[in-house]
Amino acid sequence: MNQDEWLRIIQSTESTQSQHSPQPAKPDNSVAQLDDASHPPLAQDPWLHLPVIGIGMTGIIYAVGESRVVKKPKQSRLPDPGDAEYMNDMNRKILENEIQVFKRLGNHDGIIECFHLSQYGVELARAHGDLEDHIKNYPEPAIPSKIAWILSLTETFSYIHSRRVFVDDIALRNILVLDGQLKVADFGQSILLPLEADITTVTENDLNIRIEILHIGWILYSIASWTVHKYYFFTAEEPDLSQPVSFLNVDDVLCGKIIEKCWRGGYANTDHLRIDALELLADQSPAAVRESKE
């Protein structure tokens, strides 16, 4: 399938998003094993007729009560049956990849809690929104609160990379806010590396640790400056990540030295970033640092 065909299918998908009004139903608590079937039996789906609360490019979020949601692959309704089946198959594969990532990562305080995995969907804790909306709609927090969030994220991304996972889609919209804490979410496009891979040198699908840390730096900058920043450095006009014109002045920004090192490839891995953040912020918020170490 060429690029024009792909774009045509995407555009058609966006114009035919879900229009139904489902009613809630209670799913079971069993964890189903993934199989190779491309069309899992609908009758066995434990999450039928739930209210939709979010629609993404490849998945739909349904409410499961007040404290949980389930993420399911989007079922495209396109005029061309072949196009629809192609998109639906891609959406199912993205969900299957996300399930494998959750299995690799296990439980961690900085990752959205996962309660149930099956070929039909992923049941997760229900957050109070994402970091992008939080920054737009809530007053700027005090510096100690910002520091606690920054330390939490650097520790979480260090853990994720220690499990040999490239997140790939590191963005404010994919960091959720739950009970005042940040939770990394959305691993559909993430890459599972071999557990023995050298995270400092491996490149997979043109993605490497330097690019991951670059985007982490923009997350940290958004928290520090309490402004939402859209960014994308990889264009034909600007292929070099270290172009000085690409970056903002961070001399007077909280954690500016750390942010600039993220942008300019100054960290070999996220564990170095985590340690640097702890050392730099120790004088500004000793309590937050002690909490992060614990």
C-alpha atoms as a PDB file:
ATOM      1  CA  MET A   1       0.000   0.000   0.000  1.00  0.00           C
ATOM      2  CA  ASN A   2       1.528   3.332  -1.124  1.00  0.00           C
ATOM      3  CA  GLN A   3       1.493   6.578   0.805  1.00  0.00           C
ATOM      4  CA  ASP A   4      -1.447   8.073  -1.122  1.00  0.00           C
ATOM      5  CA  GLU A   5      -3.588   5.030  -0.393  1.00  0.00           C
ATOM      6  CA  TRP A   6      -2.641   5.140   3.305  1.00  0.00           C
ATOM      7  CA  LEU A   7      -3.539   8.833   3.553  1.00  0.00           C
ATOM      8  CA  ARG A   8      -6.854   8.208   1.813  1.00  0.00           C
ATOM      9  CA  ILE A   9      -7.737   5.492   4.323  1.00  0.00           C
ATOM     10  CA  ILE A  10      -6.720   7.665   7.309  1.00  0.00           C
ATOM     11  CA  GLN A  11      -8.807  10.578   6.047  1.00  0.00           C
ATOM     12  CA  SER A  12     -11.792   8.334   5.485  1.00  0.00           C
ATOM     13  CA  THR A  13     -11.366   6.845   8.956  1.00  0.00           C
ATOM     14  CA  GLU A  14     -11.345  10.274  10.587  1.00  0.00           C
ATOM     15  CA  SER A  15     -14.573  11.232   8.795  1.00  0.00           C
ATOM     16  CA  THR A  16     -16.467   8.141   9.955  1.00  0.00           C
ATOM     17  CA  GLN A  17     -15.750   8.032  13.701  1.00  0.00           C
ATOM     18  CA  SER A  18     -18.042   6.183  16.064  1.00  0.00           C
ATOM     19  CA  GLN A  19     -21.610   7.488  16.330  1.00  0.00           C
ATOM     20  CA  HIS A  20     -23.264   4.918  18.585  1.00  0.00           C
ATOM     21  CA  SER A  21     -24.516   5.479  22.171  1.00  0.00           C
ATOM     22  CA  PRO A  22     -23.631   2.310  24.117  1.00  0.00           C
ATOM     23  CA  GLN A  23     -24.836   1.478  27.629  1.00  0.00           C
ATOM     24  CA  PRO A  24     -22.544   0.310  30.465  1.00  0.00           C
ATOM     25  CA  ALA A  25     -21.887  -3.353  31.214  1.00  0.00           C
ATOM     26  CA  LYS A  26     -19.654  -5.016  33.768  1.00  0.00           C
ATOM     27  CA  PRO A  27     -16.662  -7.023  32.409  1.00  0.00           C
ATOM     28  CA  ASP A  28     -15.364 -10.193  34.054  1.00  0.00           C
ATOM     29  CA  ASN A  29     -12.096 -10.337  35.977  1.00  0.00           C
ATOM     30  CA  SER A  30     -10.325 -13.113  34.078  1.00  0.00           C
ATOM     31  CA  VAL A  31      -7.168 -12.448  32.060  1.00  0.00           C
ATOM     32  CA  ALA A  32      -7.501 -13.911  28.605  1.00  0.00           C
ATOM     33  CA  GLN A  33      -4.457 -15.198  26.730  1.00  0.00           C
ATOM     34  CA  LEU A  34      -3.743 -13.608  23.379  1.00  0.00           C
ATOM     35  CA  ASP A  35      -4.097 -15.872  20.385  1.00  0.00           C
ATOM     36  CA  ASP A  36      -3.330 -15.571  16.688  1.00  0.00           C
ATOM     37  CA  ALA A  37      -6.947 -15.029  15.637  1.00  0.00           C
ATOM     38  CA  SER A  38      -7.412 -11.777  13.735  1.00  0.00           C
ATOM     39  CA  HIS A  39     -11.141 -11.789  14.513  1.00  0.00           C
ATOM     40  CA  PRO A  40     -11.711 -12.674  18.209  1.00  0.00           C
ATOM     41  CA  PRO A  41     -15.271 -13.896  18.885  1.00  0.00           C
ATOM     42  CA  LEU A  42     -17.475 -10.888  19.638  1.00  0.00           C
ATOM     43  CA  ALA A  43     -19.709 -12.853  22.001  1.00  0.00           C
ATOM     44  CA  GLN A  44     -16.769 -13.428  24.357  1.00  0.00           C
ATOM     45  CA  ASP A  45     -15.871  -9.733  24.587  1.00  0.00           C
ATOM     46  CA  PRO A  46     -16.355  -8.768  28.271  1.00  0.00           C
ATOM     47  CA  TRP A  47     -16.531  -5.043  27.425  1.00  0.00           C
ATOM     48  CA  LEU A  48     -19.614  -4.630  25.269  1.00  0.00           C
ATOM     49  CA  HIS A  49     -22.020  -1.664  25.291  1.00  0.00           C
ATOM     50  CA  LEU A  50     -19.874   0.687  27.370  1.00  0.00           C
ATOM     51  CA  PRO A  51     -20.000   4.499  27.063  1.00  0.00           C
ATOM     52  CA  VAL A  52     -17.296   6.049  24.900  1.00  0.00           C
ATOM     53  CA  ILE A  53     -15.211   8.742  26.611  1.00  0.00           C
ATOM     54  CA  GLY A  54     -12.334   9.105  24.143  1.00  0.00           C
ATOM     55  CA  ILE A  55     -11.422   8.318  20.529  1.00  0.00           C
ATOM     56  CA  GLY A  56      -7.868   8.144  19.195  1.00  0.00           C
ATOM     57  CA  MET A  57      -6.365   7.277  15.842  1.00  0.00           C
ATOM     58  CA  THR A  58      -6.224   3.547  16.543  1.00  0.00           C
ATOM     59  CA  GLY A  59      -8.206   2.997  19.744  1.00  0.00           C
ATOM     60  CA  ILE A  60     -11.349   3.934  21.606  1.00  0.00           C
ATOM     61  CA  ILE A  61     -11.570   4.508  25.367  1.00  0.00           C
ATOM     62  CA  TYR A  62     -14.676   3.265  27.174  1.00  0.00           C
ATOM     63  CA  ALA A  63     -15.686   3.980  30.773  1.00  0.00           C
ATOM     64  CA  VAL A  64     -15.807   1.005  33.145  1.00  0.00           C
ATOM     65  CA  GLY A  65     -17.370   2.625  36.181  1.00  0.00           C
ATOM     66  CA  GLU A  66     -15.908   5.693  37.873  1.00  0.00           C
ATOM     67  CA  SER A  67     -12.360   4.456  38.430  1.00  0.00           C
ATOM     68  CA  ARG A  68     -11.477   2.383  35.356  1.00  0.00           C
ATOM     69  CA  VAL A  69     -11.485   2.507  31.575  1.00  0.00           C
ATOM     70  CA  VAL A  70     -10.888  -0.013  28.829  1.00  0.00           C
ATOM     71  CA  LYS A  71      -8.931   0.726  25.676  1.00  0.00           C
ATOM     72  CA  LYS A  72     -10.090  -1.247  22.649  1.00  0.00           C
ATOM     73  CA  PRO A  73      -8.979  -1.229  19.016  1.00  0.00           C
ATOM     74  CA  LYS A  74     -11.012   1.076  16.805  1.00  0.00           C
ATOM     75  CA  GLN A  75     -13.315  -0.634  14.340  1.00  0.00           C
ATOM     76  CA  SER A  76     -13.211   1.455  11.192  1.00  0.00           C
ATOM     77  CA  ARG A  77     -16.310   1.813   9.049  1.00  0.00           C
ATOM     78  CA  LEU A  78     -15.063   2.698   5.586  1.00  0.00           C
ATOM     79  CA  PRO A  79     -16.816   2.530   2.207  1.00  0.00           C
ATOM     80  CA  ASP A  80     -14.174   0.119   0.882  1.00  0.00           C
ATOM     81  CA  PRO A  81     -14.288  -3.184   2.826  1.00  0.00           C
ATOM     82  CA  GLY A  82     -10.649  -3.855   1.991  1.00  0.00           C
ATOM     83  CA  ASP A  83      -9.546  -0.523   3.415  1.00  0.00           C
ATOM     84  CA  ALA A  84     -11.627  -1.089   6.537  1.00  0.00           C
ATOM     85  CA  GLU A  85     -10.159  -4.546   7.133  1.00  0.00           C
ATOM     86  CA  TYR A  86      -6.634  -3.241   6.622  1.00  0.00           C
ATOM     87  CA  MET A  87      -7.137  -0.467   9.179  1.00  0.00           C
ATOM     88  CA  ASN A  88      -8.873  -2.764  11.657  1.00  0.00           C
ATOM     89  CA  ASP A  89      -6.048  -5.272  11.412  1.00  0.00           C
ATOM     90  CA  MET A  90      -3.494  -2.513  12.050  1.00  0.00           C
ATOM     91  CA  ASN A  91      -5.472  -1.323  15.075  1.00  0.00           C
ATOM     92  CA  ARG A  92      -5.594  -4.844  16.512  1.00  0.00           C
ATOM     93  CA  LYS A  93      -1.837  -5.273  16.050  1.00  0.00           C
ATOM     94  CA  ILE A  94      -1.174  -1.968  17.829  1.00  0.00           C
ATOM     95  CA  LEU A  95      -3.272  -3.163  20.787  1.00  0.00           C
ATOM     96  CA  GLU A  96      -1.426  -6.495  20.829  1.00  0.00           C
ATOM     97  CA  ASN A  97       1.881  -4.615  20.919  1.00  0.00           C
ATOM     98  CA  GLU A  98       0.679  -2.469  23.827  1.00  0.00           C
ATOM     99  CA  ILE A  99      -0.337  -5.588  25.749  1.00  0.00           C
ATOM    100  CA  GLN A 100       3.124  -7.080  25.325  1.00  0.00           C
ATOM    101  CA  VAL A 101       4.684  -3.821  26.556  1.00  0.00           C
ATOM    102  CA  PHE A 102       2.498  -3.805  29.675  1.00  0.00           C
ATOM    103  CA  LYS A 103       3.548  -7.396  30.345  1.00  0.00           C
ATOM    104  CA  ARG A 104       7.216  -6.434  30.009  1.00  0.00           C
ATOM    105  CA  LEU A 105       6.903  -3.381  32.269  1.00  0.00           C
ATOM    106  CA  GLY A 106       4.758  -4.856  35.039  1.00  0.00           C
ATOM    107  CA  ASN A 107       3.605  -2.588  37.865  1.00  0.00           C
ATOM    108  CA  HIS A 108       5.313   0.738  38.517  1.00  0.00           C
ATOM    109  CA  ASP A 109       4.148   3.861  40.354  1.00  0.00           C
ATOM    110  CA  GLY A 110       4.873   6.116  37.390  1.00  0.00           C
ATOM    111  CA  ILE A 111       2.985   3.990  34.820  1.00  0.00           C
ATOM    112  CA  ILE A 112      -0.798   3.948  34.528  1.00  0.00           C
ATOM    113  CA  GLU A 113      -2.090   0.923  36.429  1.00  0.00           C
ATOM    114  CA  CYS A 114      -3.202  -1.991  34.275  1.00  0.00           C
ATOM    115  CA  PHE A 115      -5.836  -4.324  35.757  1.00  0.00           C
ATOM    116  CA  HIS A 116      -6.714  -6.682  32.932  1.00  0.00           C
ATOM    117  CA  LEU A 117      -5.243  -7.692  29.564  1.00  0.00           C
ATOM    118  CA  SER A 118      -7.028  -9.577  26.825  1.00  0.00           C
ATOM    119  CA  GLN A 119      -7.290  -9.734  23.062  1.00  0.00           C
ATOM    120  CA  TYR A 120     -10.364  -7.491  23.350  1.00  0.00           C
ATOM    121  CA  GLY A 121      -8.801  -4.619  25.264  1.00  0.00           C
ATOM    122  CA  VAL A 122      -6.706  -3.254  28.101  1.00  0.00           C
ATOM    123  CA  GLU A 123      -8.412  -2.256  31.354  1.00  0.00           C
ATOM    124  CA  LEU A 124      -6.667   0.668  33.031  1.00  0.00           C
ATOM    125  CA  ALA A 125      -7.039   3.108  35.890  1.00  0.00           C
ATOM    126  CA  ARG A 126      -9.163   6.099  34.936  1.00  0.00           C
ATOM    127  CA  ALA A 127      -7.116   9.277  35.090  1.00  0.00           C
ATOM    128  CA  HIS A 128      -8.304  12.845  35.602  1.00  0.00           C
ATOM    129  CA  GLY A 129      -7.006  14.035  32.255  1.00  0.00           C
ATOM    130  CA  ASP A 130      -3.639  14.369  30.555  1.00  0.00           C
ATOM    131  CA  LEU A 131      -0.734  16.685  31.289  1.00  0.00           C
ATOM    132  CA  GLU A 132      -1.381  18.864  28.245  1.00  0.00           C
ATOM    133  CA  ASP A 133      -4.910  19.711  29.363  1.00  0.00           C
ATOM    134  CA  HIS A 134      -3.743  20.045  32.966  1.00  0.00           C
ATOM    135  CA  ILE A 135      -1.185  22.690  32.046  1.00  0.00           C
ATOM    136  CA  LYS A 136      -3.754  24.550  29.938  1.00  0.00           C
ATOM    137  CA  ASN A 137      -6.526  24.533  32.512  1.00  0.00           C
ATOM    138  CA  TYR A 138      -4.960  24.572  35.976  1.00  0.00           C
ATOM    139  CA  PRO A 139      -2.949  27.249  37.826  1.00  0.00           C
ATOM    140  CA  GLU A 140       0.809  26.921  37.831  1.00  0.00           C
ATOM    141  CA  PRO A 141       1.900  24.835  40.838  1.00  0.00           C
ATOM    142  CA  ALA A 142       4.621  25.769  43.299  1.00  0.00           C
ATOM    143  CA  ILE A 143       8.220  24.827  42.510  1.00  0.00           C
ATOM    144  CA  PRO A 144       8.335  21.872  44.956  1.00  0.00           C
ATOM    145  CA  SER A 145       5.376  20.303  43.139  1.00  0.00           C
ATOM    146  CA  LYS A 146       7.059  20.790  39.775  1.00  0.00           C
ATOM    147  CA  ILE A 147      10.241  19.234  41.124  1.00  0.00           C
ATOM    148  CA  ALA A 148       8.332  16.222  42.429  1.00  0.00           C
ATOM    149  CA  TRP A 149       6.779  15.668  38.994  1.00  0.00           C
ATOM    150  CA  ILE A 150      10.112  16.072  37.219  1.00  0.00           C
ATOM    151  CA  LEU A 151      11.804  13.585  39.535  1.00  0.00           C
ATOM    152  CA  SER A 152       8.913  11.174  39.132  1.00  0.00           C
ATOM    153  CA  LEU A 153       9.142  11.274  35.331  1.00  0.00           C
ATOM    154  CA  THR A 154      12.910  10.906  35.162  1.00  0.00           C
ATOM    155  CA  GLU A 155      12.698   7.888  37.469  1.00  0.00           C
ATOM    156  CA  THR A 156       9.824   6.365  35.477  1.00  0.00           C
ATOM    157  CA  PHE A 157      11.486   6.736  32.084  1.00  0.00           C
ATOM    158  CA  SER A 158      14.704   5.337  33.552  1.00  0.00           C
ATOM    159  CA  TYR A 159      12.745   2.283  34.679  1.00  0.00           C
ATOM    160  CA  ILE A 160      10.989   1.876  31.314  1.00  0.00           C
ATOM    161  CA  HIS A 161      14.292   1.974  29.468  1.00  0.00           C
ATOM    162  CA  SER A 162      15.840  -0.462  31.973  1.00  0.00           C
ATOM    163  CA  ARG A 163      13.131  -2.901  30.813  1.00  0.00           C
ATOM    164  CA  ARG A 164      14.394  -2.307  27.263  1.00  0.00           C
ATOM    165  CA  VAL A 165      11.338  -0.487  25.961  1.00  0.00           C
ATOM    166  CA  PHE A 166      11.445   2.552  23.703  1.00  0.00           C
ATOM    167  CA  VAL A 167       8.267   4.526  24.392  1.00  0.00           C
ATOM    168  CA  ASP A 168       8.396   6.336  21.031  1.00  0.00           C
ATOM    169  CA  ASP A 169       5.304   8.538  21.417  1.00  0.00           C
ATOM    170  CA  ILE A 170       6.531  10.660  24.314  1.00  0.00           C
ATOM    171  CA  ALA A 171       4.107  13.569  24.520  1.00  0.00           C
ATOM    172  CA  LEU A 172       2.146  15.594  27.060  1.00  0.00           C
ATOM    173  CA  ARG A 173      -1.111  13.958  25.920  1.00  0.00           C
ATOM    174  CA  ASN A 174       0.311  10.537  26.834  1.00  0.00           C
ATOM    175  CA  ILE A 175       1.200  11.475  30.400  1.00  0.00           C
ATOM    176  CA  LEU A 176      -1.882  11.231  32.571  1.00  0.00           C
ATOM    177  CA  VAL A 177      -2.717  12.930  35.875  1.00  0.00           C
ATOM    178  CA  LEU A 178      -4.204  10.713  38.576  1.00  0.00           C
ATOM    179  CA  ASP A 179      -4.616  11.853  42.177  1.00  0.00           C
ATOM    180  CA  GLY A 180      -2.002  14.532  41.650  1.00  0.00           C
ATOM    181  CA  GLN A 181       0.590  12.092  40.299  1.00  0.00           C
ATOM    182  CA  LEU A 182       1.892  11.683  36.752  1.00  0.00           C
ATOM    183  CA  LYS A 183       1.422   8.365  34.974  1.00  0.00           C
ATOM    184  CA  VAL A 184       3.038   7.445  31.656  1.00  0.00           C
ATOM    185  CA  ALA A 185       0.539   5.813  29.301  1.00  0.00           C
ATOM    186  CA  ASP A 186      -0.109   4.786  25.674  1.00  0.00           C
ATOM    187  CA  PHE A 187       2.417   2.177  24.577  1.00  0.00           C
ATOM    188  CA  GLY A 188       0.760   1.183  21.323  1.00  0.00           C
ATOM    189  CA  GLN A 189       3.676   2.412  19.222  1.00  0.00           C
ATOM    190  CA  SER A 190       6.371   1.462  21.724  1.00  0.00           C
ATOM    191  CA  ILE A 191       9.211  -0.838  20.740  1.00  0.00           C
ATOM    192  CA  LEU A 192      10.203  -3.949  22.692  1.00  0.00           C
ATOM    193  CA  LEU A 193      13.961  -4.392  22.477  1.00  0.00           C
ATOM    194  CA  PRO A 194      15.834  -7.584  23.338  1.00  0.00           C
ATOM    195  CA  LEU A 195      16.456  -7.641  27.086  1.00  0.00           C
ATOM    196  CA  GLU A 196      20.191  -7.925  26.441  1.00  0.00           C
ATOM    197  CA  ALA A 197      20.252  -4.868  24.156  1.00  0.00           C
ATOM    198  CA  ASP A 198      22.637  -2.016  24.947  1.00  0.00           C
ATOM    199  CA  ILE A 199      20.209   0.857  25.414  1.00  0.00           C
ATOM    200  CA  THR A 200      22.958   3.434  24.814  1.00  0.00           C
ATOM    201  CA  THR A 201      23.736   2.253  21.279  1.00  0.00           C
ATOM    202  CA  VAL A 202      20.736   0.353  19.901  1.00  0.00           C
ATOM    203  CA  THR A 203      18.632   1.886  17.125  1.00  0.00           C
ATOM    204  CA  GLU A 204      15.269   0.430  16.131  1.00  0.00           C
ATOM    205  CA  ASN A 205      12.997   1.893  13.440  1.00  0.00           C
ATOM    206  CA  ASP A 206      15.172   5.022  13.430  1.00  0.00           C
ATOM    207  CA  LEU A 207      14.559   5.463  17.159  1.00  0.00           C
ATOM    208  CA  ASN A 208      17.316   5.585  19.771  1.00  0.00           C
ATOM    209  CA  ILE A 209      17.869   6.686  23.352  1.00  0.00           C
ATOM    210  CA  ARG A 210      19.022  10.150  22.290  1.00  0.00           C
ATOM    211  CA  ILE A 211      15.699  10.813  20.571  1.00  0.00           C
ATOM    212  CA  GLU A 212      13.745   9.466  23.551  1.00  0.00           C
ATOM    213  CA  ILE A 213      15.638  11.776  25.920  1.00  0.00           C
ATOM    214  CA  LEU A 214      15.184  14.728  23.544  1.00  0.00           C
ATOM    215  CA  HIS A 215      11.420  14.416  23.883  1.00  0.00           C
ATOM    216  CA  ILE A 216      11.627  13.855  27.636  1.00  0.00           C
ATOM    217  CA  GLY A 217      13.432  17.182  27.755  1.00  0.00           C
ATOM    218  CA  TRP A 218      10.453  18.896  26.153  1.00  0.00           C
ATOM    219  CA  ILE A 219       8.117  17.320  28.699  1.00  0.00           C
ATOM    220  CA  LEU A 220      10.326  18.631  31.499  1.00  0.00           C
ATOM    221  CA  TYR A 221      10.422  22.060  29.874  1.00  0.00           C
ATOM    222  CA  SER A 222       6.623  22.182  29.660  1.00  0.00           C
ATOM    223  CA  ILE A 223       6.360  21.388  33.370  1.00  0.00           C
ATOM    224  CA  ALA A 224       9.079  23.842  34.357  1.00  0.00           C
ATOM    225  CA  SER A 225       7.661  26.730  32.293  1.00  0.00           C
ATOM    226  CA  TRP A 226       4.010  25.625  32.732  1.00  0.00           C
ATOM    227  CA  THR A 227       3.321  26.096  29.037  1.00  0.00           C
ATOM    228  CA  VAL A 228       2.319  23.587  26.378  1.00  0.00           C
ATOM    229  CA  HIS A 229       4.908  23.239  23.634  1.00  0.00           C
ATOM    230  CA  LYS A 230       4.427  21.367  20.375  1.00  0.00           C
ATOM    231  CA  TYR A 231       7.664  20.190  18.865  1.00  0.00           C
ATOM    232  CA  TYR A 232       8.979  18.009  16.094  1.00  0.00           C
ATOM    233  CA  PHE A 233      12.566  18.206  14.957  1.00  0.00           C
ATOM    234  CA  PHE A 234      12.729  15.539  12.311  1.00  0.00           C
ATOM    235  CA  THR A 235      12.059  17.268   8.999  1.00  0.00           C
ATOM    236  CA  ALA A 236      13.919  17.390   5.698  1.00  0.00           C
ATOM    237  CA  GLU A 237      14.692  21.047   6.370  1.00  0.00           C
ATOM    238  CA  GLU A 238      16.144  20.371   9.820  1.00  0.00           C
ATOM    239  CA  PRO A 239      17.515  16.828  10.196  1.00  0.00           C
ATOM    240  CA  ASP A 240      20.165  17.774  12.790  1.00  0.00           C
ATOM    241  CA  LEU A 241      18.881  17.551  16.351  1.00  0.00           C
ATOM    242  CA  SER A 242      21.576  19.854  17.703  1.00  0.00           C
ATOM    243  CA  GLN A 243      20.780  22.902  15.575  1.00  0.00           C
ATOM    244  CA  PRO A 244      20.997  25.840  18.044  1.00  0.00           C
ATOM    245  CA  VAL A 245      18.012  27.575  16.415  1.00  0.00           C
ATOM    246  CA  SER A 246      15.808  24.608  17.418  1.00  0.00           C
ATOM    247  CA  PHE A 247      15.987  25.248  21.134  1.00  0.00           C
ATOM    248  CA  LEU A 248      14.691  27.873  23.501  1.00  0.00           C
ATOM    249  CA  ASN A 249      16.757  29.762  26.029  1.00  0.00           C
ATOM    250  CA  VAL A 250      16.504  27.935  29.359  1.00  0.00           C
ATOM    251  CA  ASP A 251      18.985  29.939  31.428  1.00  0.00           C
ATOM    252  CA  ASP A 252      16.268  31.130  33.817  1.00  0.00           C
ATOM    253  CA  VAL A 253      14.048  28.037  33.655  1.00  0.00           C
ATOM    254  CA  LEU A 254      13.742  25.500  36.468  1.00  0.00           C
ATOM    255  CA  CYS A 255      16.057  22.553  35.671  1.00  0.00           C
ATOM    256  CA  GLY A 256      17.323  24.473  32.644  1.00  0.00           C
ATOM    257  CA  LYS A 257      20.711  22.737  32.646  1.00  0.00           C
ATOM    258  CA  ILE A 258      19.053  19.315  32.634  1.00  0.00           C
ATOM    259  CA  ILE A 259      16.597  20.284  29.906  1.00  0.00           C
ATOM    260  CA  GLU A 260      19.349  21.620  27.671  1.00  0.00           C
ATOM    261  CA  LYS A 261      21.407  18.446  28.108  1.00  0.00           C
ATOM    262  CA  CYS A 262      18.348  16.408  27.104  1.00  0.00           C
ATOM    263  CA  TRP A 263      17.939  18.483  23.964  1.00  0.00           C
ATOM    264  CA  ARG A 264      21.590  18.413  22.978  1.00  0.00           C
ATOM    265  CA  GLY A 265      22.322  14.732  23.517  1.00  0.00           C
ATOM    266  CA  GLY A 266      24.198  15.194  26.780  1.00  0.00           C
ATOM    267  CA  TYR A 267      22.951  11.982  28.415  1.00  0.00           C
ATOM    268  CA  ALA A 268      24.016   8.478  27.439  1.00  0.00           C
ATOM    269  CA  ASN A 269      20.888   7.013  29.039  1.00  0.00           C
ATOM    270  CA  THR A 270      17.948   7.992  31.230  1.00  0.00           C
ATOM    271  CA  ASP A 271      19.563   6.642  34.367  1.00  0.00           C
ATOM    272  CA  HIS A 272      22.234   9.340  34.001  1.00  0.00           C
ATOM    273  CA  LEU A 273      19.393  11.837  33.557  1.00  0.00           C
ATOM    274  CA  ARG A 274      17.675  10.525  36.703  1.00  0.00           C
ATOM    275  CA  ILE A 275      20.852  10.830  38.779  1.00  0.00           C
ATOM    276  CA  ASP A 276      21.614  14.300  37.431  1.00  0.00           C
ATOM    277  CA  ALA A 277      18.081  15.466  38.299  1.00  0.00           C
ATOM    278  CA  LEU A 278      18.414  14.152  41.855  1.00  0.00           C
ATOM    279  CA  GLU A 279      21.748  15.872  42.360  1.00  0.00           C
ATOM    280  CA  LEU A 280      20.718  19.177  40.807  1.00  0.00           C
ATOM    281  CA  LEU A 281      17.398  19.421  42.644  1.00  0.00           C
ATOM    282  CA  ALA A 282      18.632  18.287  46.054  1.00  0.00           C
ATOM    283  CA  ASP A 283      19.185  21.839  47.286  1.00  0.00           C
ATOM    284  CA  GLN A 284      15.837  23.092  45.985  1.00  0.00           C
ATOM    285  CA  SER A 285      13.581  20.393  47.391  1.00  0.00           C
ATOM    286  CA  PRO A 286      15.280  17.952  49.772  1.00  0.00           C
ATOM    287  CA  ALA A 287      11.933  16.414  50.798  1.00  0.00           C
ATOM    288  CA  ALA A 288      10.999  15.656  47.192  1.00  0.00           C
ATOM    289  CA  VAL A 289      14.403  14.134  46.560  1.00  0.00           C
ATOM    290  CA  ARG A 290      14.142  11.895  49.634  1.00  0.00           C
ATOM    291  CA  GLU A 291      10.689  10.781  48.521  1.00  0.00           C
ATOM    292  CA  SER A 292      11.945   9.951  45.028  1.00  0.00           C
ATOM    293  CA  LYS A 293      14.811   7.872  46.420  1.00  0.00           C
ATOM    294  CA  GLU A 294      12.422   5.898  48.583  1.00  0.00           C
END
